[in-house]
Amino acid sequence: MADDATPGVYWQDVFSSPPPPFLTGIPAFLGYANGNGKPGEDAINQPQLLTLWPHFEQRYGVPPDTGYLAYAVRGFFENGGLMCYVVRLDEAVSPKKALKAGLKALAPLERIDLVCAPDIMRATANPANDRVDTLQCAVLKHCQELGDRFAILDTLNTDTAETVSVRDQRQSLSSSYGAIYYPWLVVSDPKGNPHSIGFSGSEVQCRTDNLLKSGFAG
């Protein structure tokens, strides 16, 4: 408020409002989920915008015993994530076809800056499935072709990041549009049993947090 007690001299305190929070793009997670049976809420290959972990539970129910998607999304929100897209992949087709369709569904979304597909690692449990590196290369190609997003990928689940298999994996995935992360983490599943998961979900939140601090998106 201006103080004009002294003729010709005026003093006014000005308090600037804090700047609005800077929002980066939104990370996207692709993977397998059970669904809740409600039409439109758990649709396959339809990106769903979530702002809380309970929203995932409401839409997709209990996670599959062999999946990683739910744990990655939960880790994202528990570590401070604000919002993300989730794409439920089709288990009725091969992993390669399912991932291709899921990535196609993400392509029109301009606000996405990080892409994480943790259930790619399910391919390691079934030799008949597509190779992990083939699936991860598909995610990298998606990011490179669009040019505005970065892939967050997991190493193979090994005791050390320097095994021959992991070194070969890093070399085959060399790209400026993505990176692979180690180590794997051990968390509890809904029944309280230990469950190993890749580091990608935590890394997504770490990168999102760094972008917020630096004021940079994309």
Foldseek 3Di string as FASTA:
>chain_A
DWDCPDPPDIDDDDDDDDDDFQAFFAAEEEEAAQFDPDPPLQDALAKDKDFALVSCCVGGNAGDPLAFRSVLQNLLVVVPHGMHIYHHFDPVDAPQVRLVSNLVSCLVPPRHAEYEYFRLLVCVVPVVGDDSLVSVVVVQVSCVVSVRYAYEAEFHADPDCPDPRNVVSQVSNDDPRYHYDDDWDWDAGPVRDTDTGGCRSVVVNVVSVVCSVVVDYD
